[in-house]
Amino acid sequence: MMTAAKAFKSTNASPADTKLSALFAARHDEKNLQSPYDIGLIIVALALMTIGIIIVTSASMPVAERIHDNPFYFAIRHGIYIVGAIIAAMVVLELPMQFWRKANPYLLLAAIGLLVAVLLVGRTVNGSTRWLALGPITIQAAEPAKLFFFTYLAGYLVRRYEEVTENLKGFIKPLVVFFALAMLLLLQPDLGTVVVMFATTIGLLFLAGARLWQFFALVFAGVLAVVALIVFEEYRMKRVTSFLDPWADPFGAGYQLTQSLMAYGRGNWFGQGLGNSLQKLEFLPEAHTDFVMAILAEELGFVGVLAVLGLILWMVVRALQIGNKALLKSRPFEGYLAYSVGIWFSFQTAVNIGASAGILPTKGLTLPLVSYGGSSLIVMSVAVALLLRIDFELRVDGVQALGRGDNKKTSKVKAKPAATSAAKPPVKTKHTNAEPFADAEADYNQVPSVESDTEAQESMLDDAQSKEAKKASSTISPEDEGKAGIKAILARVSKEATNE
């Protein structure tokens, strides 16, 4: 079939035929080659997971050997977390965005329930009650609470967009919800998660079109609240003072930060080599969790840190691009949710690396898709899956709409002849030789002539061809149908060109 089409094109093709066939071929080939999913986003997420399990394995071996008599204890657990994260991401990828649009208020209630349950029956580690123990599974409730709150916030901005952009009442309502969640998080205590949620909230409100004076007032109030929380809590004040001058007490309050800075300094440009870190030999506490970037910097150097930052930056930019594309296609919920994921990833990365590099006070936040921690890894993977689902629905939106339209047309075409045949039985009429164009006159309101006879015959022929095409379309594949349509259009264009 393809060779015959090429021969027809080479022998009888006019310039108009060539241009039209090139246009159809380009559109046809582009649709065939386009993947329904963002392959680049998948590759970047898997690359970050791969880097994470390598660095976590290297950083956790000494402490795992001492505590569990197995140097690969944390590496095996991290591998299990990665498998669970991929499975969770695949499940979320199958859920339509309509589910998240309808369920986001209930997800907010689930987030509040998790945070309350932590305070009641949670497990306390290092003075913080942040974990729920469900048999062998331990859940850090703040991680799903962040995702659920962001889905609620995206849904609220869609439902109350005019209130948010026009009056103060609509602007304050989501802040009341955030304040309730923040109070529950501060009781654990977990100031880091509160700061990340606050930054994502004000960023999303700004992108949604909130007034500038409201935005700056919220930023000012948030900064004052964070300062007050630091001043009135002794251990937080010690963290700030040690952050400002860690070398004043290198074996006390500034110990962890000074050891992290040593790891960065030893890394130089290309690092000491994978597995050759000295700070992971239990000099640097929490080397495989909150300070995994310090070990990566020591072993892979500035180049390794730059590579990880580049991958996360690409993911953040891609999330913002998906959000912008969703807003342009009139899908605001998807757009705001993609924006929130991008802001969340970028700010949490900045806080984690800033804390390990001495730029920010030490906070217990993980590096997205890299640090050890099952709850964080699974929730971050679900967020990436949401980005993939949003992008997938944007890519196939036109195809699905076209398919729905074709189904409606075919159902109407099938139902119409049955109804007309049942309501109006065929009436036999006698025609003389002088009345060959009575039907054409009734249908087209034209005077009988030789020209109208020709047009009527051509229209009858076209109707017969269209009916045959409709019958054949139910048996042939969409690809063959597309090729046949292109061939028919080329034939008609060539016929009109020869008539001219």
Protein backbone atom coordinates (compact mmCIF):
# COMPACT_ATOMS: atom_id res chain seq x y z
CA MET A 1 0.00 0.00 0.00
CA MET A 2 2.84 2.41 0.89
CA THR A 3 4.71 1.78 -2.38
CA ALA A 4 1.55 2.34 -4.37
CA ALA A 5 0.93 5.61 -2.55
CA LYS A 6 4.53 6.72 -3.20
CA ALA A 7 4.21 5.84 -6.89
CA PHE A 8 0.92 7.76 -7.14
CA LYS A 9 2.54 10.75 -5.44
CA SER A 10 5.62 10.75 -7.68
CA THR A 11 3.70 10.45 -10.97
CA ASN A 12 0.53 12.50 -10.53
CA ALA A 13 1.38 14.85 -7.66
CA SER A 14 1.01 18.55 -8.24
CA PRO A 15 2.70 21.15 -5.96
CA ALA A 16 -0.54 21.39 -3.96
CA ASP A 17 -0.58 17.58 -3.54
CA THR A 18 3.03 17.55 -2.37
CA LYS A 19 2.47 20.29 0.19
CA LEU A 20 -0.73 18.69 1.51
CA SER A 21 0.81 15.22 1.74
CA ALA A 22 3.85 16.61 3.57
CA LEU A 23 1.57 18.35 6.04
CA PHE A 24 -0.45 15.21 6.72
CA ALA A 25 2.69 13.07 6.97
CA ALA A 26 4.27 15.46 9.47
CA ARG A 27 1.20 15.49 11.68
CA HIS A 28 0.77 11.73 11.40
CA ASP A 29 4.40 10.95 12.19
CA GLU A 30 4.44 13.37 15.16
CA LYS A 31 1.47 11.69 16.78
CA ASN A 32 2.99 8.26 16.28
CA LEU A 33 6.33 9.25 17.76
CA GLN A 34 4.95 11.17 20.76
CA SER A 35 4.97 9.21 23.99
CA PRO A 36 1.93 9.48 26.28
CA TYR A 37 4.24 10.06 29.28
CA ASP A 38 7.06 12.47 29.98
CA ILE A 39 10.06 10.16 29.56
CA GLY A 40 12.49 12.87 30.66
CA LEU A 41 10.73 13.32 33.99
CA ILE A 42 10.73 9.57 34.60
CA ILE A 43 14.45 9.31 33.80
CA VAL A 44 15.35 12.22 36.11
CA ALA A 45 13.33 10.75 39.00
CA LEU A 46 14.92 7.33 38.56
CA ALA A 47 18.37 8.94 38.31
CA LEU A 48 17.85 10.72 41.64
CA MET A 49 16.66 7.46 43.24
CA THR A 50 19.73 5.65 41.88
CA ILE A 51 22.09 8.31 43.22
CA GLY A 52 20.23 8.16 46.52
CA ILE A 53 20.61 4.43 47.06
CA ILE A 54 24.32 4.59 46.15
CA ILE A 55 25.08 7.44 48.57
CA VAL A 56 22.84 6.05 51.32
CA THR A 57 24.62 2.70 51.05
CA SER A 58 28.02 4.37 51.28
CA ALA A 59 27.06 6.73 54.11
CA SER A 60 25.20 4.19 56.28
CA MET A 61 27.60 1.25 56.26
CA PRO A 62 29.62 2.14 59.41
CA VAL A 63 26.59 2.91 61.60
CA ALA A 64 24.67 -0.09 60.24
CA GLU A 65 27.61 -2.36 61.05
CA ARG A 66 27.76 -1.06 64.62
CA ILE A 67 24.03 -1.12 65.40
CA HIS A 68 22.73 -4.08 63.37
CA ASP A 69 25.88 -6.10 62.58
CA ASN A 70 25.00 -5.78 58.91
CA PRO A 71 26.65 -3.01 56.85
CA PHE A 72 23.85 -3.17 54.25
CA TYR A 73 20.95 -2.95 56.73
CA PHE A 74 19.91 0.58 55.77
CA ALA A 75 20.72 -0.02 52.10
CA ILE A 76 18.36 -3.03 51.98
CA ARG A 77 15.61 -1.06 53.69
CA HIS A 78 16.13 1.87 51.34
CA GLY A 79 15.89 -0.50 48.37
CA ILE A 80 12.58 -1.82 49.73
CA TYR A 81 11.38 1.78 50.12
CA ILE A 82 12.29 2.49 46.49
CA VAL A 83 10.29 -0.54 45.30
CA GLY A 84 7.33 0.57 47.43
CA ALA A 85 7.65 4.13 46.10
CA ILE A 86 7.63 2.93 42.48
CA ILE A 87 4.56 0.74 43.14
CA ALA A 88 2.77 3.65 44.84
CA ALA A 89 3.67 5.92 41.93
CA MET A 90 2.31 3.41 39.41
CA VAL A 91 -0.97 3.16 41.34
CA VAL A 92 -1.33 6.96 41.52
CA LEU A 93 -0.50 7.20 37.83
CA GLU A 94 -3.64 5.18 37.06
CA LEU A 95 -5.90 7.50 39.07
CA PRO A 96 -7.53 10.26 36.98
CA MET A 97 -7.13 13.83 38.17
CA GLN A 98 -10.89 13.97 38.63
CA PHE A 99 -10.40 11.77 41.71
CA TRP A 100 -8.07 14.31 43.31
CA ARG A 101 -10.39 17.19 42.39
CA LYS A 102 -13.31 15.53 44.18
CA ALA A 103 -11.41 13.97 47.09
CA ASN A 104 -9.17 16.88 48.17
CA PRO A 105 -11.44 18.01 51.08
CA TYR A 106 -11.48 14.46 52.42
CA LEU A 107 -7.69 14.25 52.01
CA LEU A 108 -7.38 17.35 54.19
CA LEU A 109 -9.43 15.61 56.87
CA ALA A 110 -7.13 12.59 56.54
CA ALA A 111 -4.09 14.84 57.04
CA ILE A 112 -5.59 16.33 60.20
CA GLY A 113 -6.45 12.83 61.45
CA LEU A 114 -2.88 11.63 60.90
CA LEU A 115 -1.38 14.60 62.76
CA VAL A 116 -3.77 14.16 65.67
CA ALA A 117 -3.05 10.41 65.80
CA VAL A 118 0.69 11.12 65.99
CA LEU A 119 0.19 13.28 69.05
CA LEU A 120 -1.93 10.60 70.71
CA VAL A 121 -0.19 7.32 69.88
CA GLY A 122 2.95 8.39 68.03
CA ARG A 123 6.50 7.14 68.57
CA THR A 124 9.05 9.55 70.08
CA VAL A 125 12.57 9.63 68.59
CA ASN A 126 15.23 12.16 69.66
CA GLY A 127 12.65 14.20 71.56
CA SER A 128 10.20 14.52 68.64
CA THR A 129 6.91 12.66 68.26
CA ARG A 130 6.55 12.41 64.48
CA TRP A 131 6.05 8.76 63.63
CA LEU A 132 3.12 6.36 63.60
CA ALA A 133 4.03 2.68 64.08
CA LEU A 134 1.73 0.27 62.21
CA GLY A 135 3.36 -3.08 62.89
CA PRO A 136 6.62 -3.21 60.94
CA ILE A 137 5.70 -0.04 59.03
CA THR A 138 6.57 3.39 60.41
CA ILE A 139 4.87 6.44 58.87
CA GLN A 140 6.00 10.02 59.30
CA ALA A 141 2.61 11.72 59.26
CA ALA A 142 3.94 15.12 58.20
CA GLU A 143 4.92 13.82 54.74
CA PRO A 144 1.45 12.78 53.48
CA ALA A 145 -0.02 15.78 55.35
CA LYS A 146 2.00 18.12 53.12
CA LEU A 147 0.76 16.48 49.92
CA PHE A 148 -2.87 16.37 51.10
CA PHE A 149 -2.78 20.02 52.13
CA PHE A 150 -1.41 21.06 48.74
CA THR A 151 -4.17 19.16 46.92
CA TYR A 152 -6.76 20.87 49.14
CA LEU A 153 -5.18 24.28 48.49
CA ALA A 154 -5.25 23.72 44.71
CA GLY A 155 -8.91 22.71 44.89
CA TYR A 156 -9.75 25.72 47.08
CA LEU A 157 -8.12 28.15 44.64
CA VAL A 158 -10.29 26.71 41.86
CA ARG A 159 -13.53 26.82 43.88
CA ARG A 160 -12.92 30.27 45.42
CA TYR A 161 -10.76 31.97 42.82
CA GLU A 162 -12.78 35.19 42.74
CA GLU A 163 -12.81 35.45 46.53
CA VAL A 164 -9.06 34.93 46.75
CA THR A 165 -8.29 37.60 44.15
CA GLU A 166 -10.94 40.16 45.11
CA ASN A 167 -11.42 40.25 48.89
CA LEU A 168 -9.53 39.52 52.07
CA LYS A 169 -11.96 36.87 53.31
CA GLY A 170 -11.14 34.41 50.53
CA PHE A 171 -7.44 35.05 51.04
CA ILE A 172 -7.55 34.31 54.78
CA LYS A 173 -9.62 31.09 54.65
CA PRO A 174 -6.79 28.79 53.44
CA LEU A 175 -4.45 30.44 55.94
CA VAL A 176 -6.78 29.41 58.77
CA VAL A 177 -6.50 25.79 57.59
CA PHE A 178 -2.73 26.14 57.36
CA PHE A 179 -2.64 27.62 60.87
CA ALA A 180 -4.51 24.60 62.25
CA LEU A 181 -2.09 22.17 60.59
CA ALA A 182 0.88 24.27 61.71
CA MET A 183 -0.23 24.11 65.33
CA LEU A 184 -0.48 20.31 65.14
CA LEU A 185 2.99 20.12 63.55
CA LEU A 186 4.56 22.44 66.13
CA LEU A 187 3.27 20.22 68.92
CA GLN A 188 5.44 17.33 67.60
CA PRO A 189 7.58 19.63 67.23
CA ASP A 190 8.36 19.99 63.47
CA LEU A 191 9.15 23.57 62.47
CA GLY A 192 10.84 22.54 59.21
CA THR A 193 7.67 21.09 57.71
CA VAL A 194 5.72 24.19 58.80
CA VAL A 195 8.22 26.44 57.03
CA VAL A 196 8.04 24.38 53.81
CA MET A 197 4.22 24.39 53.85
CA PHE A 198 4.16 28.12 54.55
CA ALA A 199 6.51 28.91 51.67
CA THR A 200 4.52 26.72 49.28
CA THR A 201 1.24 28.32 50.42
CA ILE A 202 2.35 31.91 49.87
CA GLY A 203 3.96 30.97 46.55
CA LEU A 204 0.77 29.32 45.32
CA LEU A 205 -1.42 32.23 46.48
CA PHE A 206 0.90 34.63 44.66
CA LEU A 207 0.75 32.60 41.44
CA ALA A 208 -3.04 32.38 41.75
CA GLY A 209 -3.29 36.18 41.59
CA ALA A 210 -3.53 37.36 45.19
CA ARG A 211 -3.03 41.09 45.72
CA LEU A 212 0.51 42.21 46.38
CA TRP A 213 -0.23 43.95 49.68
CA GLN A 214 -1.84 40.75 50.98
CA PHE A 215 1.15 38.75 49.79
CA PHE A 216 3.72 40.99 51.48
CA ALA A 217 1.65 41.21 54.65
CA LEU A 218 1.53 37.41 54.79
CA VAL A 219 5.29 37.14 54.26
CA PHE A 220 5.94 39.69 57.00
CA ALA A 221 3.59 37.94 59.42
CA GLY A 222 5.16 34.56 58.63
CA VAL A 223 8.69 35.82 59.23
CA LEU A 224 7.63 37.32 62.57
CA ALA A 225 5.99 34.05 63.59
CA VAL A 226 9.09 32.00 62.72
CA VAL A 227 11.31 34.41 64.65
CA ALA A 228 9.02 34.19 67.67
CA LEU A 229 9.02 30.39 67.53
CA ILE A 230 12.83 30.39 67.46
CA VAL A 231 13.27 32.93 70.26
CA PHE A 232 10.85 31.27 72.69
CA GLU A 233 12.28 27.75 72.26
CA GLU A 234 15.71 27.13 73.74
CA TYR A 235 16.88 24.31 71.47
CA ARG A 236 15.90 26.28 68.37
CA MET A 237 17.82 29.30 69.65
CA LYS A 238 20.89 27.11 70.16
CA ARG A 239 20.60 25.91 66.57
CA VAL A 240 20.51 29.49 65.31
CA THR A 241 23.48 30.60 67.39
CA SER A 242 25.48 27.54 66.38
CA PHE A 243 24.55 28.20 62.75
CA LEU A 244 25.83 31.77 62.99
CA ASP A 245 29.16 30.68 64.50
CA PRO A 246 29.51 26.86 64.59
CA TRP A 247 33.24 27.05 65.42
CA ALA A 248 32.52 28.77 68.72
CA ASP A 249 31.47 25.38 70.13
CA PRO A 250 32.76 22.76 67.65
CA PHE A 251 32.30 19.85 70.09
CA GLY A 252 28.93 20.97 71.45
CA ALA A 253 26.08 22.81 69.73
CA GLY A 254 28.07 23.33 66.52
CA TYR A 255 29.44 19.77 66.25
CA GLN A 256 27.15 18.46 63.50
CA LEU A 257 27.54 21.54 61.32
CA THR A 258 31.34 21.68 61.68
CA GLN A 259 31.64 18.03 60.68
CA SER A 260 29.38 18.68 57.67
CA LEU A 261 31.50 21.66 56.62
CA MET A 262 34.61 19.48 56.86
CA ALA A 263 32.97 16.99 54.50
CA TYR A 264 32.23 19.76 51.99
CA GLY A 265 35.78 21.06 52.28
CA ARG A 266 37.39 17.64 51.70
CA GLY A 267 35.29 17.08 48.58
CA ASN A 268 37.04 19.76 46.51
CA TRP A 269 36.16 19.60 42.77
CA PHE A 270 35.86 15.85 42.09
CA GLY A 271 35.67 14.37 45.59
CA GLN A 272 37.64 11.71 47.42
CA GLY A 273 36.03 8.89 45.45
CA LEU A 274 32.95 6.80 46.08
CA GLY A 275 33.19 5.08 49.48
CA ASN A 276 36.24 7.07 50.62
CA SER A 277 34.47 9.48 52.97
CA LEU A 278 35.94 9.94 56.45
CA GLN A 279 33.02 11.87 57.97
CA LYS A 280 30.67 8.92 57.49
CA LEU A 281 32.80 6.95 59.99
CA GLU A 282 30.40 8.19 62.66
CA PHE A 283 32.01 11.62 62.84
CA LEU A 284 28.94 13.18 61.16
CA PRO A 285 25.63 12.23 62.83
CA GLU A 286 22.65 11.40 60.57
CA ALA A 287 25.00 11.07 57.61
CA HIS A 288 22.55 8.99 55.52
CA THR A 289 19.41 11.06 56.21
CA ASP A 290 19.45 14.84 56.67
CA PHE A 291 23.17 15.27 55.85
CA VAL A 292 23.45 12.90 52.91
CA MET A 293 24.45 15.80 50.65
CA ALA A 294 27.56 16.40 52.79
CA ILE A 295 28.72 12.81 52.20
CA LEU A 296 27.91 13.13 48.50
CA ALA A 297 29.98 16.32 48.37
CA GLU A 298 32.91 14.64 50.12
CA GLU A 299 32.91 11.58 47.84
CA LEU A 300 31.85 13.11 44.50
CA GLY A 301 32.96 16.69 44.98
CA PHE A 302 31.53 19.90 43.59
CA VAL A 303 30.76 18.18 40.28
CA GLY A 304 28.56 15.59 42.00
CA VAL A 305 26.68 18.23 43.99
CA LEU A 306 26.16 20.27 40.83
CA ALA A 307 24.82 17.22 39.00
CA VAL A 308 22.24 16.48 41.71
CA LEU A 309 21.21 20.13 41.89
CA GLY A 310 20.86 20.19 38.09
CA LEU A 311 18.56 17.15 38.13
CA ILE A 312 16.35 18.62 40.86
CA LEU A 313 16.30 22.00 39.11
CA TRP A 314 15.21 20.32 35.87
CA MET A 315 12.39 18.55 37.72
CA VAL A 316 11.23 21.80 39.35
CA VAL A 317 11.27 23.69 36.04
CA ARG A 318 9.38 20.85 34.39
CA ALA A 319 6.73 20.95 37.14
CA LEU A 320 6.26 24.69 36.59
CA GLN A 321 6.02 24.15 32.82
CA ILE A 322 3.36 21.47 33.29
CA GLY A 323 1.44 23.80 35.60
CA ASN A 324 1.60 26.64 33.09
CA LYS A 325 0.47 24.33 30.28
CA ALA A 326 -2.46 23.12 32.39
CA LEU A 327 -3.59 26.69 33.09
CA LEU A 328 -3.39 27.55 29.38
CA LYS A 329 -5.64 24.56 28.63
CA SER A 330 -8.21 25.69 31.23
CA ARG A 331 -7.36 23.05 33.83
CA PRO A 332 -6.65 25.22 36.89
CA PHE A 333 -6.67 22.47 39.53
CA GLU A 334 -3.97 20.54 37.70
CA GLY A 335 -2.00 23.75 37.12
CA TYR A 336 -2.03 24.84 40.77
CA LEU A 337 -1.17 21.33 41.97
CA ALA A 338 1.81 21.13 39.61
CA TYR A 339 2.94 24.58 40.78
CA SER A 340 2.73 23.47 44.43
CA VAL A 341 4.82 20.35 43.75
CA GLY A 342 7.48 22.46 42.02
CA ILE A 343 7.64 25.02 44.84
CA TRP A 344 7.66 22.24 47.45
CA PHE A 345 10.57 20.36 45.84
CA SER A 346 12.64 23.50 45.29
CA PHE A 347 12.19 24.93 48.79
CA GLN A 348 12.78 21.62 50.57
CA THR A 349 15.95 21.08 48.52
CA ALA A 350 17.16 24.58 49.39
CA VAL A 351 16.51 24.04 53.12
CA ASN A 352 18.21 20.62 53.19
CA ILE A 353 21.35 21.67 51.32
CA GLY A 354 21.42 25.07 53.03
CA ALA A 355 21.36 23.41 56.45
CA SER A 356 24.15 20.95 55.61
CA ALA A 357 26.28 23.72 54.03
CA GLY A 358 25.84 26.17 56.91
CA ILE A 359 23.67 28.62 54.94
CA LEU A 360 20.53 27.96 57.00
CA PRO A 361 19.90 26.65 60.54
CA THR A 362 19.80 22.88 60.85
CA LYS A 363 16.38 21.41 60.05
CA GLY A 364 15.26 17.80 59.78
CA LEU A 365 14.16 17.83 56.14
CA THR A 366 15.12 15.19 53.60
CA LEU A 367 16.59 15.74 50.16
CA PRO A 368 13.83 14.83 47.65
CA LEU A 369 14.19 11.29 46.23
CA VAL A 370 17.74 10.99 47.60
CA SER A 371 17.76 10.88 51.42
CA TYR A 372 17.00 7.77 53.44
CA GLY A 373 13.41 7.60 54.68
CA GLY A 374 10.45 5.57 53.49
CA SER A 375 7.66 8.10 54.09
CA SER A 376 9.48 10.93 52.35
CA LEU A 377 10.55 8.77 49.42
CA ILE A 378 7.06 7.35 48.82
CA VAL A 379 5.29 10.70 49.11
CA MET A 380 7.82 12.42 46.84
CA SER A 381 7.39 9.62 44.28
CA VAL A 382 3.60 10.05 44.45
CA ALA A 383 4.10 13.77 43.78
CA VAL A 384 6.19 12.96 40.70
CA ALA A 385 3.47 10.52 39.59
CA LEU A 386 0.92 13.34 39.90
CA LEU A 387 3.05 15.46 37.58
CA LEU A 388 3.21 12.57 35.10
CA ARG A 389 -0.57 12.09 35.30
CA ILE A 390 -1.26 15.77 34.74
CA ASP A 391 1.06 15.84 31.75
CA PHE A 392 -0.48 12.60 30.42
CA GLU A 393 -4.01 14.00 30.57
CA LEU A 394 -2.89 17.19 28.85
CA ARG A 395 -1.32 15.15 26.04
CA VAL A 396 -4.29 12.86 25.41
CA ASP A 397 -7.00 15.42 26.14
CA GLY A 398 -7.58 16.26 22.46
CA VAL A 399 -7.49 12.62 21.38
CA GLN A 400 -10.04 11.60 24.03
CA ALA A 401 -12.33 14.49 23.10
CA LEU A 402 -12.10 13.50 19.43
CA GLY A 403 -12.90 9.90 20.31
CA ARG A 404 -15.90 10.93 22.38
CA GLY A 405 -17.17 13.08 19.51
CA ASP A 406 -16.79 10.23 17.01
CA ASN A 407 -18.66 7.84 19.31
CA LYS A 408 -21.52 10.30 19.68
CA LYS A 409 -21.72 10.82 15.93
CA THR A 410 -21.72 7.13 15.14
CA SER A 411 -24.39 6.44 17.78
CA LYS A 412 -26.58 9.17 16.31
CA VAL A 413 -26.05 7.86 12.79
CA LYS A 414 -26.98 4.34 13.88
CA ALA A 415 -30.07 5.48 15.80
CA LYS A 416 -31.43 7.88 13.17
CA PRO A 417 -32.09 5.42 10.29
CA ALA A 418 -33.81 2.99 12.66
CA ALA A 419 -36.13 5.70 13.96
CA THR A 420 -36.99 7.05 10.50
CA SER A 421 -37.59 3.62 9.08
CA ALA A 422 -39.92 2.74 11.91
CA ALA A 423 -41.84 6.01 11.78
CA LYS A 424 -42.12 6.45 8.00
CA PRO A 425 -42.50 3.37 5.83
CA PRO A 426 -41.26 3.72 2.28
CA VAL A 427 -43.81 5.18 -0.15
CA LYS A 428 -43.71 3.97 -3.72
CA THR A 429 -44.28 6.68 -6.32
CA LYS A 430 -44.51 6.52 -10.04
CA HIS A 431 -42.34 8.83 -12.08
CA THR A 432 -42.79 9.64 -15.71
CA ASN A 433 -39.99 10.51 -18.08
CA ALA A 434 -40.70 14.20 -17.51
CA GLU A 435 -40.18 13.96 -13.72
CA PRO A 436 -36.66 12.66 -13.21
CA PHE A 437 -35.61 15.56 -10.90
CA ALA A 438 -38.62 15.81 -8.57
CA ASP A 439 -36.66 14.52 -5.56
CA ALA A 440 -33.70 16.77 -6.29
CA GLU A 441 -36.03 19.78 -6.54
CA ALA A 442 -37.66 18.93 -3.22
CA ASP A 443 -34.32 18.46 -1.50
CA TYR A 444 -32.26 21.28 -2.95
CA ASN A 445 -34.94 23.77 -4.12
CA GLN A 446 -33.35 24.07 -7.53
CA VAL A 447 -34.82 24.23 -11.03
CA PRO A 448 -34.43 20.94 -12.94
CA SER A 449 -31.58 21.15 -15.41
CA VAL A 450 -28.76 19.07 -16.77
CA GLU A 451 -26.34 20.75 -14.36
CA SER A 452 -28.55 20.02 -11.35
CA ASP A 453 -28.90 16.44 -12.53
CA THR A 454 -25.13 16.08 -12.51
CA GLU A 455 -24.88 17.63 -9.04
CA ALA A 456 -27.61 15.36 -7.69
CA GLN A 457 -25.88 12.28 -9.08
CA GLU A 458 -22.56 13.39 -7.59
CA SER A 459 -24.20 14.02 -4.21
CA MET A 460 -25.85 10.59 -4.33
CA LEU A 461 -22.48 9.06 -5.19
CA ASP A 462 -20.82 10.94 -2.31
CA ASP A 463 -23.54 9.76 0.07
CA ALA A 464 -23.07 6.18 -1.03
CA GLN A 465 -19.31 6.49 -0.62
CA SER A 466 -19.67 8.02 2.85
CA LYS A 467 -22.03 5.22 3.91
CA GLU A 468 -19.59 2.61 2.63
CA ALA A 469 -16.77 4.40 4.45
CA LYS A 470 -18.77 4.41 7.69
CA LYS A 471 -19.44 0.70 7.35
CA ALA A 472 -15.81 -0.02 6.59
CA SER A 473 -14.59 2.18 9.49
CA SER A 474 -16.09 -0.25 11.96
CA THR A 475 -13.87 -3.06 10.68
CA ILE A 476 -10.59 -1.36 9.72
CA SER A 477 -8.01 -0.04 12.17
CA PRO A 478 -7.58 3.71 12.87
CA GLU A 479 -4.20 3.69 11.11
CA ASP A 480 -5.66 2.25 7.89
CA GLU A 481 -8.57 4.64 8.13
CA GLY A 482 -6.18 7.60 8.41
CA LYS A 483 -4.16 6.41 5.40
CA ALA A 484 -7.33 5.91 3.35
CA GLY A 485 -8.55 9.41 4.26
CA ILE A 486 -5.26 10.99 3.25
CA LYS A 487 -5.31 9.06 -0.03
CA ALA A 488 -8.87 10.22 -0.78
CA ILE A 489 -8.01 13.85 -0.05
CA LEU A 490 -4.94 13.68 -2.31
CA ALA A 491 -7.04 12.17 -5.09
CA ARG A 492 -9.68 14.91 -4.79
CA VAL A 493 -7.06 17.68 -4.78
CA SER A 494 -5.39 16.23 -7.88
CA LYS A 495 -8.79 15.94 -9.60
CA GLU A 496 -9.59 19.59 -8.88
CA ALA A 497 -6.12 20.63 -10.10
CA THR A 498 -6.60 18.80 -13.42
CA ASN A 499 -10.08 20.29 -13.88
CA GLU A 500 -8.61 23.77 -13.45
